[in-house]
PDB file of all heavy atoms in Angstrom:
ATOM      1  N   SER A   1       3.999  -5.324   8.943  1.00  0.00           N
ATOM      2  CA  SER A   1       4.272  -4.681   7.644  1.00  0.00           C
ATOM      3  C   SER A   1       5.422  -3.642   7.609  1.00  0.00           C
ATOM      4  O   SER A   1       5.944  -3.342   6.518  1.00  0.00           O
ATOM      5  CB  SER A   1       2.967  -3.712   7.311  1.00  0.00           C
ATOM      6  OG  SER A   1       2.778  -2.671   8.160  1.00  0.00           O
ATOM      7  N   ASP A   2       5.964  -3.404   8.759  1.00  0.00           N
ATOM      8  CA  ASP A   2       7.135  -2.568   8.834  1.00  0.00           C
ATOM      9  C   ASP A   2       8.424  -3.366   8.306  1.00  0.00           C
ATOM     10  O   ASP A   2       9.377  -2.816   7.980  1.00  0.00           O
ATOM     11  CB  ASP A   2       7.501  -1.979  10.244  1.00  0.00           C
ATOM     12  CG  ASP A   2       7.417  -3.030  11.303  1.00  0.00           C
ATOM     13  OD1 ASP A   2       6.690  -4.070  11.207  1.00  0.00           O
ATOM     14  OD2 ASP A   2       8.277  -2.894  12.310  1.00  0.00           O
ATOM     15  N   TYR A   3       8.285  -4.731   8.311  1.00  0.00           N
ATOM     16  CA  TYR A   3       9.341  -5.446   7.782  1.00  0.00           C
ATOM     17  C   TYR A   3       9.373  -5.371   6.223  1.00  0.00           C
ATOM     18  O   TYR A   3      10.349  -5.778   5.632  1.00  0.00           O
ATOM     19  CB  TYR A   3       9.220  -6.997   8.101  1.00  0.00           C
ATOM     20  CG  TYR A   3       9.638  -7.300   9.519  1.00  0.00           C
ATOM     21  CD1 TYR A   3       9.949  -6.444  10.479  1.00  0.00           C
ATOM     22  CD2 TYR A   3       9.856  -8.579   9.895  1.00  0.00           C
ATOM     23  CE1 TYR A   3      10.366  -6.619  11.759  1.00  0.00           C
ATOM     24  CE2 TYR A   3      10.208  -8.932  11.196  1.00  0.00           C
ATOM     25  CZ  TYR A   3      10.549  -7.950  12.082  1.00  0.00           C
ATOM     26  OH  TYR A   3      10.972  -8.324  13.380  1.00  0.00           O
ATOM     27  N   ILE A   4       8.344  -4.953   5.646  1.00  0.00           N
ATOM     28  CA  ILE A   4       8.317  -4.668   4.140  1.00  0.00           C
ATOM     29  C   ILE A   4       8.967  -3.409   3.866  1.00  0.00           C
ATOM     30  O   ILE A   4       9.778  -3.174   2.940  1.00  0.00           O
ATOM     31  CB  ILE A   4       6.877  -4.775   3.521  1.00  0.00           C
ATOM     32  CG1 ILE A   4       6.381  -6.209   3.786  1.00  0.00           C
ATOM     33  CG2 ILE A   4       6.954  -4.396   2.167  1.00  0.00           C
ATOM     34  CD1 ILE A   4       4.900  -6.292   3.363  1.00  0.00           C
ATOM     35  N   GLY A   5       8.677  -2.365   4.778  1.00  0.00           N
ATOM     36  CA  GLY A   5       9.276  -1.074   4.664  1.00  0.00           C
ATOM     37  C   GLY A   5       9.107  -0.260   5.910  1.00  0.00           C
ATOM     38  O   GLY A   5       8.062  -0.318   6.476  1.00  0.00           O
ATOM     39  N   SER A   6      10.235   0.164   6.480  1.00  0.00           N
ATOM     40  CA  SER A   6      10.113   1.030   7.660  1.00  0.00           C
ATOM     41  C   SER A   6       9.254   2.132   7.704  1.00  0.00           C
ATOM     42  O   SER A   6       8.727   2.604   8.675  1.00  0.00           O
ATOM     43  CB  SER A   6      11.636   1.428   8.190  1.00  0.00           C
ATOM     44  OG  SER A   6      12.093   2.344   7.124  1.00  0.00           O
ATOM     45  N   GLU A   7       8.951   2.696   6.473  1.00  0.00           N
ATOM     46  CA  GLU A   7       8.021   3.820   6.398  1.00  0.00           C
ATOM     47  C   GLU A   7       6.614   3.481   6.828  1.00  0.00           C
ATOM     48  O   GLU A   7       5.856   4.316   7.196  1.00  0.00           O
ATOM     49  CB  GLU A   7       7.981   4.322   4.802  1.00  0.00           C
ATOM     50  CG  GLU A   7       9.243   4.548   4.274  1.00  0.00           C
ATOM     51  CD  GLU A   7       9.981   3.403   3.635  1.00  0.00           C
ATOM     52  OE1 GLU A   7       9.505   2.263   3.726  1.00  0.00           O
ATOM     53  OE2 GLU A   7      10.849   3.647   2.784  1.00  0.00           O
ATOM     54  N   ASN A   8       6.170   2.223   6.788  1.00  0.00           N
ATOM     55  CA  ASN A   8       4.933   1.815   7.289  1.00  0.00           C
ATOM     56  C   ASN A   8       4.667   2.023   8.766  1.00  0.00           C
ATOM     57  O   ASN A   8       3.535   2.061   9.230  1.00  0.00           O
ATOM     58  CB  ASN A   8       4.753   0.331   7.016  1.00  0.00           C
ATOM     59  CG  ASN A   8       4.556  -0.009   5.506  1.00  0.00           C
ATOM     60  OD1 ASN A   8       4.080   0.766   4.835  1.00  0.00           O
ATOM     61  ND2 ASN A   8       5.087  -1.065   5.057  1.00  0.00           N
ATOM     62  N   LYS A   9       5.766   2.278   9.561  1.00  0.00           N
ATOM     63  CA  LYS A   9       5.604   2.557  10.909  1.00  0.00           C
ATOM     64  C   LYS A   9       4.755   3.941  11.158  1.00  0.00           C
ATOM     65  O   LYS A   9       4.157   3.952  12.285  1.00  0.00           O
ATOM     66  CB  LYS A   9       6.941   2.869  11.603  1.00  0.00           C
ATOM     67  CG  LYS A   9       7.662   1.493  11.939  1.00  0.00           C
ATOM     68  CD  LYS A   9       8.945   1.731  12.705  1.00  0.00           C
ATOM     69  CE  LYS A   9       9.402   0.614  13.398  1.00  0.00           C
ATOM     70  NZ  LYS A   9      10.489   0.809  14.389  1.00  0.00           N
ATOM     71  N   ARG A  10       4.885   4.747  10.206  1.00  0.00           N
ATOM     72  CA  ARG A  10       4.128   6.051  10.260  1.00  0.00           C
ATOM     73  C   ARG A  10       2.733   5.905   9.747  1.00  0.00           C
ATOM     74  O   ARG A  10       1.993   6.873   9.864  1.00  0.00           O
ATOM     75  CB  ARG A  10       4.816   7.123   9.489  1.00  0.00           C
ATOM     76  CG  ARG A  10       6.393   7.461  10.183  1.00  0.00           C
ATOM     77  CD  ARG A  10       6.930   8.566   9.627  1.00  0.00           C
ATOM     78  NE  ARG A  10       7.307   8.469   8.133  1.00  0.00           N
ATOM     79  CZ  ARG A  10       8.329   7.920   7.697  1.00  0.00           C
ATOM     80  NH1 ARG A  10       9.236   7.379   8.535  1.00  0.00           N
ATOM     81  NH2 ARG A  10       8.563   7.735   6.369  1.00  0.00           N
ATOM     82  N   ALA A  11       2.345   4.865   9.032  1.00  0.00           N
ATOM     83  CA  ALA A  11       1.122   4.731   8.408  1.00  0.00           C
ATOM     84  C   ALA A  11      -0.012   4.637   9.411  1.00  0.00           C
ATOM     85  O   ALA A  11       0.052   3.752  10.492  1.00  0.00           O
ATOM     86  CB  ALA A  11       1.088   3.615   7.574  1.00  0.00           C
ATOM     87  N   ARG A  12      -1.035   5.364   9.343  1.00  0.00           N
ATOM     88  CA  ARG A  12      -2.344   5.093  10.193  1.00  0.00           C
ATOM     89  C   ARG A  12      -3.517   4.841   9.371  1.00  0.00           C
ATOM     90  O   ARG A  12      -4.529   4.390   9.928  1.00  0.00           O
ATOM     91  CB  ARG A  12      -2.599   6.486  10.866  1.00  0.00           C
ATOM     92  CG  ARG A  12      -1.425   6.997  11.825  1.00  0.00           C
ATOM     93  CD  ARG A  12      -1.302   5.994  13.090  1.00  0.00           C
ATOM     94  NE  ARG A  12      -0.183   6.323  13.823  1.00  0.00           N
ATOM     95  CZ  ARG A  12       1.015   5.685  13.852  1.00  0.00           C
ATOM     96  NH1 ARG A  12       1.125   4.755  12.895  1.00  0.00           N
ATOM     97  NH2 ARG A  12       2.017   6.058  14.478  1.00  0.00           N
ATOM     98  N   ARG A  13      -3.447   5.016   8.098  1.00  0.00           N
ATOM     99  CA  ARG A  13      -4.512   4.588   7.131  1.00  0.00           C
ATOM    100  C   ARG A  13      -3.740   3.673   6.046  1.00  0.00           C
ATOM    101  O   ARG A  13      -2.679   3.861   5.667  1.00  0.00           O
ATOM    102  CB  ARG A  13      -5.099   5.797   6.433  1.00  0.00           C
ATOM    103  CG  ARG A  13      -5.844   6.613   7.518  1.00  0.00           C
ATOM    104  CD  ARG A  13      -6.734   7.689   6.829  1.00  0.00           C
ATOM    105  NE  ARG A  13      -6.006   8.300   5.773  1.00  0.00           N
ATOM    106  CZ  ARG A  13      -5.268   9.335   5.812  1.00  0.00           C
ATOM    107  NH1 ARG A  13      -5.015   9.964   7.013  1.00  0.00           N
ATOM    108  NH2 ARG A  13      -4.765   9.973   4.663  1.00  0.00           N
ATOM    109  N   TYR A  14      -4.587   2.931   5.476  1.00  0.00           N
ATOM    110  CA  TYR A  14      -4.255   1.954   4.423  1.00  0.00           C
ATOM    111  C   TYR A  14      -3.512   2.653   3.203  1.00  0.00           C
ATOM    112  O   TYR A  14      -2.346   2.291   2.751  1.00  0.00           O
ATOM    113  CB  TYR A  14      -5.396   1.196   3.796  1.00  0.00           C
ATOM    114  CG  TYR A  14      -5.110   0.208   2.757  1.00  0.00           C
ATOM    115  CD1 TYR A  14      -4.504  -1.065   3.043  1.00  0.00           C
ATOM    116  CD2 TYR A  14      -5.332   0.391   1.393  1.00  0.00           C
ATOM    117  CE1 TYR A  14      -4.212  -2.093   2.187  1.00  0.00           C
ATOM    118  CE2 TYR A  14      -5.070  -0.554   0.469  1.00  0.00           C
ATOM    119  CZ  TYR A  14      -4.520  -1.683   0.876  1.00  0.00           C
ATOM    120  OH  TYR A  14      -4.180  -2.687  -0.204  1.00  0.00           O
ATOM    121  N   GLU A  15      -4.018   3.837   2.878  1.00  0.00           N
ATOM    122  CA  GLU A  15      -3.376   4.513   1.640  1.00  0.00           C
ATOM    123  C   GLU A  15      -2.020   5.103   1.987  1.00  0.00           C
ATOM    124  O   GLU A  15      -1.366   5.571   1.184  1.00  0.00           O
ATOM    125  CB  GLU A  15      -4.419   5.842   1.347  1.00  0.00           C
ATOM    126  CG  GLU A  15      -5.673   5.313   0.915  1.00  0.00           C
ATOM    127  CD  GLU A  15      -6.583   4.874   2.075  1.00  0.00           C
ATOM    128  OE1 GLU A  15      -6.433   5.443   3.274  1.00  0.00           O
ATOM    129  OE2 GLU A  15      -7.578   4.116   1.880  1.00  0.00           O
ATOM    130  N   GLN A  16      -1.646   5.052   3.350  1.00  0.00           N
ATOM    131  CA  GLN A  16      -0.331   5.666   3.689  1.00  0.00           C
ATOM    132  C   GLN A  16       0.654   4.578   3.734  1.00  0.00           C
ATOM    133  O   GLN A  16       1.875   4.971   3.885  1.00  0.00           O
ATOM    134  CB  GLN A  16      -0.389   6.251   5.120  1.00  0.00           C
ATOM    135  CG  GLN A  16      -1.314   7.474   5.138  1.00  0.00           C
ATOM    136  CD  GLN A  16      -1.440   8.035   6.611  1.00  0.00           C
ATOM    137  OE1 GLN A  16      -1.505   7.205   7.557  1.00  0.00           O
ATOM    138  NE2 GLN A  16      -1.612   9.351   6.675  1.00  0.00           N
ATOM    139  N   LEU A  17       0.280   3.366   3.451  1.00  0.00           N
ATOM    140  CA  LEU A  17       1.367   2.283   3.424  1.00  0.00           C
ATOM    141  C   LEU A  17       2.114   2.387   2.022  1.00  0.00           C
ATOM    142  O   LEU A  17       1.684   2.948   1.018  1.00  0.00           O
ATOM    143  CB  LEU A  17       0.656   0.810   3.440  1.00  0.00           C
ATOM    144  CG  LEU A  17      -0.127   0.411   4.685  1.00  0.00           C
ATOM    145  CD1 LEU A  17      -0.963  -0.654   4.477  1.00  0.00           C
ATOM    146  CD2 LEU A  17       0.918   0.218   5.747  1.00  0.00           C
ATOM    147  N   THR A  18       3.271   1.806   2.141  1.00  0.00           N
ATOM    148  CA  THR A  18       4.178   1.988   0.932  1.00  0.00           C
ATOM    149  C   THR A  18       3.544   1.158  -0.204  1.00  0.00           C
ATOM    150  O   THR A  18       2.673   0.265  -0.073  1.00  0.00           O
ATOM    151  CB  THR A  18       5.581   1.285   1.059  1.00  0.00           C
ATOM    152  OG1 THR A  18       5.296  -0.149   1.326  1.00  0.00           O
ATOM    153  CG2 THR A  18       6.285   1.916   2.242  1.00  0.00           C
ATOM    154  N   PRO A  19       3.748   1.540  -1.498  1.00  0.00           N
ATOM    155  CA  PRO A  19       3.187   0.805  -2.565  1.00  0.00           C
ATOM    156  C   PRO A  19       3.546  -0.716  -2.664  1.00  0.00           C
ATOM    157  O   PRO A  19       2.639  -1.594  -2.948  1.00  0.00           O
ATOM    158  CB  PRO A  19       3.752   1.541  -3.927  1.00  0.00           C
ATOM    159  CG  PRO A  19       4.145   2.924  -3.401  1.00  0.00           C
ATOM    160  CD  PRO A  19       4.603   2.747  -1.928  1.00  0.00           C
ATOM    161  N   GLU A  20       4.767  -1.057  -2.228  1.00  0.00           N
ATOM    162  CA  GLU A  20       5.159  -2.557  -2.054  1.00  0.00           C
ATOM    163  C   GLU A  20       4.233  -3.236  -1.062  1.00  0.00           C
ATOM    164  O   GLU A  20       3.852  -4.379  -1.347  1.00  0.00           O
ATOM    165  CB  GLU A  20       6.646  -2.626  -1.699  1.00  0.00           C
ATOM    166  CG  GLU A  20       7.592  -1.979  -2.714  1.00  0.00           C
ATOM    167  CD  GLU A  20       7.762  -0.557  -2.614  1.00  0.00           C
ATOM    168  OE1 GLU A  20       7.418   0.087  -1.661  1.00  0.00           O
ATOM    169  OE2 GLU A  20       8.472  -0.090  -3.471  1.00  0.00           O
ATOM    170  N   THR A  21       4.004  -2.582  -0.043  1.00  0.00           N
ATOM    171  CA  THR A  21       3.177  -3.126   1.066  1.00  0.00           C
ATOM    172  C   THR A  21       1.699  -3.340   0.564  1.00  0.00           C
ATOM    173  O   THR A  21       1.066  -4.389   0.626  1.00  0.00           O
ATOM    174  CB  THR A  21       3.121  -2.287   2.313  1.00  0.00           C
ATOM    175  OG1 THR A  21       4.495  -2.167   2.764  1.00  0.00           O
ATOM    176  CG2 THR A  21       2.210  -2.951   3.376  1.00  0.00           C
ATOM    177  N   ILE A  22       1.103  -2.340  -0.222  1.00  0.00           N
ATOM    178  CA  ILE A  22      -0.167  -2.521  -0.722  1.00  0.00           C
ATOM    179  C   ILE A  22      -0.194  -3.567  -1.744  1.00  0.00           C
ATOM    180  O   ILE A  22      -1.164  -4.410  -1.796  1.00  0.00           O
ATOM    181  CB  ILE A  22      -0.673  -1.112  -1.290  1.00  0.00           C
ATOM    182  CG1 ILE A  22      -0.851  -0.069  -0.045  1.00  0.00           C
ATOM    183  CG2 ILE A  22      -1.910  -1.257  -2.169  1.00  0.00           C
ATOM    184  CD1 ILE A  22      -1.130   1.293  -0.532  1.00  0.00           C
ATOM    185  N   MET A  23       0.725  -3.782  -2.610  1.00  0.00           N
ATOM    186  CA  MET A  23       0.801  -4.901  -3.595  1.00  0.00           C
ATOM    187  C   MET A  23       0.838  -6.168  -2.923  1.00  0.00           C
ATOM    188  O   MET A  23       0.219  -7.154  -3.330  1.00  0.00           O
ATOM    189  CB  MET A  23       2.003  -4.604  -4.515  1.00  0.00           C
ATOM    190  CG  MET A  23       1.896  -3.590  -5.514  1.00  0.00           C
ATOM    191  SD  MET A  23       3.205  -3.219  -6.657  1.00  0.00           S
ATOM    192  CE  MET A  23       4.301  -4.516  -6.443  1.00  0.00           C
ATOM    193  N   PHE A  24       1.688  -6.203  -1.680  1.00  0.00           N
ATOM    194  CA  PHE A  24       1.725  -7.502  -1.014  1.00  0.00           C
ATOM    195  C   PHE A  24       0.408  -7.922  -0.422  1.00  0.00           C
ATOM    196  O   PHE A  24      -0.039  -9.012  -0.535  1.00  0.00           O
ATOM    197  CB  PHE A  24       2.649  -7.265   0.125  1.00  0.00           C
ATOM    198  CG  PHE A  24       3.075  -8.571   0.914  1.00  0.00           C
ATOM    199  CD1 PHE A  24       3.855  -9.649   0.502  1.00  0.00           C
ATOM    200  CD2 PHE A  24       2.271  -8.845   2.138  1.00  0.00           C
ATOM    201  CE1 PHE A  24       4.126 -10.746   1.282  1.00  0.00           C
ATOM    202  CE2 PHE A  24       2.498  -9.851   2.842  1.00  0.00           C
ATOM    203  CZ  PHE A  24       3.371 -10.883   2.466  1.00  0.00           C
ATOM    204  N   ILE A  25      -0.261  -6.931   0.099  1.00  0.00           N
ATOM    205  CA  ILE A  25      -1.591  -7.172   0.762  1.00  0.00           C
ATOM    206  C   ILE A  25      -2.537  -7.574  -0.446  1.00  0.00           C
ATOM    207  O   ILE A  25      -3.396  -8.464  -0.160  1.00  0.00           O
ATOM    208  CB  ILE A  25      -2.138  -5.845   1.393  1.00  0.00           C
ATOM    209  CG1 ILE A  25      -1.149  -5.747   2.711  1.00  0.00           C
ATOM    210  CG2 ILE A  25      -3.654  -6.027   1.837  1.00  0.00           C
ATOM    211  CD1 ILE A  25      -1.499  -4.378   3.339  1.00  0.00           C
ATOM    212  N   GLU A  26      -2.604  -6.998  -1.502  1.00  0.00           N
ATOM    213  CA  GLU A  26      -3.527  -7.310  -2.564  1.00  0.00           C
ATOM    214  C   GLU A  26      -3.234  -8.749  -3.144  1.00  0.00           C
ATOM    215  O   GLU A  26      -4.104  -9.471  -3.380  1.00  0.00           O
ATOM    216  CB  GLU A  26      -3.399  -6.278  -3.730  1.00  0.00           C
ATOM    217  CG  GLU A  26      -4.058  -4.941  -3.449  1.00  0.00           C
ATOM    218  CD  GLU A  26      -3.696  -3.932  -4.487  1.00  0.00           C
ATOM    219  OE1 GLU A  26      -2.795  -4.192  -5.364  1.00  0.00           O
ATOM    220  OE2 GLU A  26      -4.322  -2.806  -4.473  1.00  0.00           O
ATOM    221  N   GLU A  27      -1.947  -9.050  -3.082  1.00  0.00           N
ATOM    222  CA  GLU A  27      -1.605 -10.489  -3.463  1.00  0.00           C
ATOM    223  C   GLU A  27      -2.147 -11.504  -2.410  1.00  0.00           C
ATOM    224  O   GLU A  27      -2.593 -12.517  -2.894  1.00  0.00           O
ATOM    225  CB  GLU A  27      -0.184 -10.665  -3.762  1.00  0.00           C
ATOM    226  CG  GLU A  27       0.299 -11.914  -4.359  1.00  0.00           C
ATOM    227  CD  GLU A  27      -0.184 -12.252  -5.653  1.00  0.00           C
ATOM    228  OE1 GLU A  27      -0.813 -11.415  -6.378  1.00  0.00           O
ATOM    229  OE2 GLU A  27      -0.003 -13.392  -6.155  1.00  0.00           O
ATOM    230  N   VAL A  28      -1.976 -11.209  -1.176  1.00  0.00           N
ATOM    231  CA  VAL A  28      -2.481 -12.067  -0.045  1.00  0.00           C
ATOM    232  C   VAL A  28      -4.052 -12.245  -0.274  1.00  0.00           C
ATOM    233  O   VAL A  28      -4.581 -13.260  -0.218  1.00  0.00           O
ATOM    234  CB  VAL A  28      -2.180 -11.425   1.244  1.00  0.00           C
ATOM    235  CG1 VAL A  28      -3.011 -12.155   2.380  1.00  0.00           C
ATOM    236  CG2 VAL A  28      -0.621 -11.546   1.695  1.00  0.00           C
ATOM    237  N   GLU A  29      -4.741 -11.274  -0.642  1.00  0.00           N
ATOM    238  CA  GLU A  29      -6.104 -11.222  -0.777  1.00  0.00           C
ATOM    239  C   GLU A  29      -6.405 -12.114  -2.037  1.00  0.00           C
ATOM    240  O   GLU A  29      -7.426 -12.877  -2.066  1.00  0.00           O
ATOM    241  CB  GLU A  29      -6.763  -9.823  -0.917  1.00  0.00           C
ATOM    242  CG  GLU A  29      -6.681  -9.143   0.295  1.00  0.00           C
ATOM    243  CD  GLU A  29      -7.151  -7.695   0.390  1.00  0.00           C
ATOM    244  OE1 GLU A  29      -7.032  -7.054  -0.714  1.00  0.00           O
ATOM    245  OE2 GLU A  29      -7.603  -7.130   1.356  1.00  0.00           O
ATOM    246  N   ARG A  30      -5.743 -11.923  -3.132  1.00  0.00           N
ATOM    247  CA  ARG A  30      -5.938 -12.714  -4.332  1.00  0.00           C
ATOM    248  C   ARG A  30      -5.618 -14.149  -4.154  1.00  0.00           C
ATOM    249  O   ARG A  30      -6.471 -15.009  -4.516  1.00  0.00           O
ATOM    250  CB  ARG A  30      -5.064 -12.104  -5.462  1.00  0.00           C
ATOM    251  CG  ARG A  30      -5.457 -12.718  -6.874  1.00  0.00           C
ATOM    252  CD  ARG A  30      -4.280 -12.499  -7.977  1.00  0.00           C
ATOM    253  NE  ARG A  30      -3.119 -13.004  -7.700  1.00  0.00           N
ATOM    254  CZ  ARG A  30      -2.772 -14.422  -7.794  1.00  0.00           C
ATOM    255  NH1 ARG A  30      -3.744 -15.145  -8.140  1.00  0.00           N
ATOM    256  NH2 ARG A  30      -1.662 -14.959  -7.571  1.00  0.00           N
ATOM    257  N   VAL A  31      -4.571 -14.470  -3.523  1.00  0.00           N
ATOM    258  CA  VAL A  31      -4.269 -15.860  -3.309  1.00  0.00           C
ATOM    259  C   VAL A  31      -5.242 -16.515  -2.418  1.00  0.00           C
ATOM    260  O   VAL A  31      -5.543 -17.800  -2.529  1.00  0.00           O
ATOM    261  CB  VAL A  31      -2.747 -16.076  -2.674  1.00  0.00           C
ATOM    262  CG1 VAL A  31      -2.521 -17.355  -2.227  1.00  0.00           C
ATOM    263  CG2 VAL A  31      -1.836 -15.663  -3.776  1.00  0.00           C
ATOM    264  N   THR A  32      -5.743 -15.846  -1.243  1.00  0.00           N
ATOM    265  CA  THR A  32      -6.663 -16.463  -0.418  1.00  0.00           C
ATOM    266  C   THR A  32      -8.107 -16.359  -0.616  1.00  0.00           C
ATOM    267  O   THR A  32      -8.911 -17.114  -0.083  1.00  0.00           O
ATOM    268  CB  THR A  32      -6.372 -16.035   1.131  1.00  0.00           C
ATOM    269  OG1 THR A  32      -6.576 -14.581   1.090  1.00  0.00           O
ATOM    270  CG2 THR A  32      -4.906 -16.242   1.485  1.00  0.00           C
ATOM    271  N   GLY A  33      -8.358 -15.207  -1.405  1.00  0.00           N
ATOM    272  CA  GLY A  33      -9.850 -14.977  -1.537  1.00  0.00           C
ATOM    273  C   GLY A  33     -10.500 -14.329  -0.241  1.00  0.00           C
ATOM    274  O   GLY A  33     -11.571 -14.247  -0.213  1.00  0.00           O
ATOM    275  N   VAL A  34      -9.580 -13.848   0.649  1.00  0.00           N
ATOM    276  CA  VAL A  34     -10.037 -13.363   1.866  1.00  0.00           C
ATOM    277  C   VAL A  34      -9.444 -11.926   2.041  1.00  0.00           C
ATOM    278  O   VAL A  34      -8.253 -11.600   1.726  1.00  0.00           O
ATOM    279  CB  VAL A  34      -9.524 -14.226   3.102  1.00  0.00           C
ATOM    280  CG1 VAL A  34      -9.929 -13.649   4.317  1.00  0.00           C
ATOM    281  CG2 VAL A  34     -10.124 -15.620   2.914  1.00  0.00           C
ATOM    282  N   ARG A  35     -10.231 -10.996   2.657  1.00  0.00           N
ATOM    283  CA  ARG A  35      -9.803  -9.599   2.899  1.00  0.00           C
ATOM    284  C   ARG A  35      -8.817  -9.530   3.997  1.00  0.00           C
ATOM    285  O   ARG A  35      -9.000 -10.154   5.152  1.00  0.00           O
ATOM    286  CB  ARG A  35     -10.938  -8.712   3.127  1.00  0.00           C
ATOM    287  CG  ARG A  35     -10.631  -7.310   3.443  1.00  0.00           C
ATOM    288  CD  ARG A  35     -11.942  -6.464   3.487  1.00  0.00           C
ATOM    289  NE  ARG A  35     -11.764  -5.054   3.916  1.00  0.00           N
ATOM    290  CZ  ARG A  35     -11.504  -4.135   3.046  1.00  0.00           C
ATOM    291  NH1 ARG A  35     -11.343  -4.396   1.801  1.00  0.00           N
ATOM    292  NH2 ARG A  35     -11.334  -2.897   3.443  1.00  0.00           N
ATOM    293  N   VAL A  36      -7.674  -8.794   3.815  1.00  0.00           N
ATOM    294  CA  VAL A  36      -6.772  -8.413   4.945  1.00  0.00           C
ATOM    295  C   VAL A  36      -7.378  -7.214   5.577  1.00  0.00           C
ATOM    296  O   VAL A  36      -7.550  -6.091   5.147  1.00  0.00           O
ATOM    297  CB  VAL A  36      -5.390  -7.954   4.426  1.00  0.00           C
ATOM    298  CG1 VAL A  36      -4.507  -7.652   5.513  1.00  0.00           C
ATOM    299  CG2 VAL A  36      -4.708  -9.208   3.641  1.00  0.00           C
ATOM    300  N   SER A  37      -7.855  -7.516   6.813  1.00  0.00           N
ATOM    301  CA  SER A  37      -8.794  -6.496   7.572  1.00  0.00           C
ATOM    302  C   SER A  37      -7.864  -5.696   8.567  1.00  0.00           C
ATOM    303  O   SER A  37      -8.267  -4.651   8.934  1.00  0.00           O
ATOM    304  CB  SER A  37      -9.860  -7.219   8.347  1.00  0.00           C
ATOM    305  OG  SER A  37     -10.710  -7.818   7.446  1.00  0.00           O
ATOM    306  N   LEU A  38      -6.894  -6.314   9.164  1.00  0.00           N
ATOM    307  CA  LEU A  38      -6.095  -5.798  10.191  1.00  0.00           C
ATOM    308  C   LEU A  38      -4.578  -5.679   9.753  1.00  0.00           C
ATOM    309  O   LEU A  38      -4.278  -6.783   9.228  1.00  0.00           O
ATOM    310  CB  LEU A  38      -6.216  -6.390  11.601  1.00  0.00           C
ATOM    311  CG  LEU A  38      -7.606  -6.361  12.128  1.00  0.00           C
ATOM    312  CD1 LEU A  38      -7.697  -7.362  13.318  1.00  0.00           C
ATOM    313  CD2 LEU A  38      -7.975  -4.966  12.496  1.00  0.00           C
ATOM    314  N   ILE A  39      -4.002  -4.543   9.863  1.00  0.00           N
ATOM    315  CA  ILE A  39      -2.485  -4.590   9.491  1.00  0.00           C
ATOM    316  C   ILE A  39      -1.673  -3.885  10.594  1.00  0.00           C
ATOM    317  O   ILE A  39      -2.003  -2.702  10.926  1.00  0.00           O
ATOM    318  CB  ILE A  39      -2.358  -3.786   8.155  1.00  0.00           C
ATOM    319  CG1 ILE A  39      -3.284  -4.346   6.988  1.00  0.00           C
ATOM    320  CG2 ILE A  39      -0.852  -3.641   7.695  1.00  0.00           C
ATOM    321  CD1 ILE A  39      -3.647  -3.366   5.951  1.00  0.00           C
ATOM    322  N   SER A  40      -0.658  -4.640  11.121  1.00  0.00           N
ATOM    323  CA  SER A  40       0.084  -3.986  12.104  1.00  0.00           C
ATOM    324  C   SER A  40       1.231  -3.186  11.474  1.00  0.00           C
ATOM    325  O   SER A  40       1.821  -3.824  10.454  1.00  0.00           O
ATOM    326  CB  SER A  40       0.613  -5.011  13.173  1.00  0.00           C
ATOM    327  OG  SER A  40       1.707  -5.795  12.591  1.00  0.00           O
ATOM    328  N   THR A  41       1.489  -2.104  11.884  1.00  0.00           N
ATOM    329  CA  THR A  41       2.580  -1.255  11.225  1.00  0.00           C
ATOM    330  C   THR A  41       3.832  -1.172  12.080  1.00  0.00           C
ATOM    331  O   THR A  41       4.818  -0.733  11.642  1.00  0.00           O
ATOM    332  CB  THR A  41       2.021   0.206  11.083  1.00  0.00           C
ATOM    333  OG1 THR A  41       1.644   0.763  12.350  1.00  0.00           O
ATOM    334  CG2 THR A  41       0.784   0.175  10.072  1.00  0.00           C
ATOM    335  N   GLN A  42       3.726  -1.705  13.405  1.00  0.00           N
ATOM    336  CA  GLN A  42       4.932  -1.822  14.149  1.00  0.00           C
ATOM    337  C   GLN A  42       4.652  -2.636  15.333  1.00  0.00           C
ATOM    338  O   GLN A  42       3.463  -2.878  15.558  1.00  0.00           O
ATOM    339  CB  GLN A  42       5.724  -0.608  14.432  1.00  0.00           C
ATOM    340  CG  GLN A  42       4.894   0.362  15.195  1.00  0.00           C
ATOM    341  CD  GLN A  42       5.633   1.721  15.572  1.00  0.00           C
ATOM    342  OE1 GLN A  42       6.854   1.624  16.097  1.00  0.00           O
ATOM    343  NE2 GLN A  42       5.091   2.741  15.170  1.00  0.00           N
ATOM    344  N   PHE A  43       5.688  -3.186  16.090  1.00  0.00           N
ATOM    345  CA  PHE A  43       5.490  -4.006  17.204  1.00  0.00           C
ATOM    346  C   PHE A  43       4.923  -3.303  18.535  1.00  0.00           C
ATOM    347  O   PHE A  43       5.674  -2.936  19.379  1.00  0.00           O
ATOM    348  CB  PHE A  43       6.762  -4.795  17.461  1.00  0.00           C
ATOM    349  CG  PHE A  43       6.604  -5.960  18.321  1.00  0.00           C
ATOM    350  CD1 PHE A  43       5.800  -7.029  17.921  1.00  0.00           C
ATOM    351  CD2 PHE A  43       7.114  -6.050  19.561  1.00  0.00           C
ATOM    352  CE1 PHE A  43       5.648  -8.112  18.798  1.00  0.00           C
ATOM    353  CE2 PHE A  43       7.101  -7.132  20.545  1.00  0.00           C
ATOM    354  CZ  PHE A  43       6.393  -8.164  20.017  1.00  0.00           C
ATOM    355  N   ASP A  44       3.642  -2.885  18.348  1.00  0.00           N
ATOM    356  CA  ASP A  44       2.906  -2.128  19.393  1.00  0.00           C
ATOM    357  C   ASP A  44       1.602  -2.261  19.254  1.00  0.00           C
ATOM    358  O   ASP A  44       0.836  -2.284  18.155  1.00  0.00           O
ATOM    359  CB  ASP A  44       3.453  -0.604  19.212  1.00  0.00           C
ATOM    360  CG  ASP A  44       2.827   0.270  20.450  1.00  0.00           C
ATOM    361  OD1 ASP A  44       1.736   0.582  20.380  1.00  0.00           O
ATOM    362  OD2 ASP A  44       3.665   0.485  21.295  1.00  0.00           O
TER     363      ASP A  44
END
């Protein structure tokens, strides 16, 4: 998710992700009908 916005590296909760990232996740869920349950915020 840090590839969408470097600010996501600091996120520890869903609400702290950038608005663009949250919109991307919502679209993934809409397209698949499946919940995005885990989100990596950086390569760690």
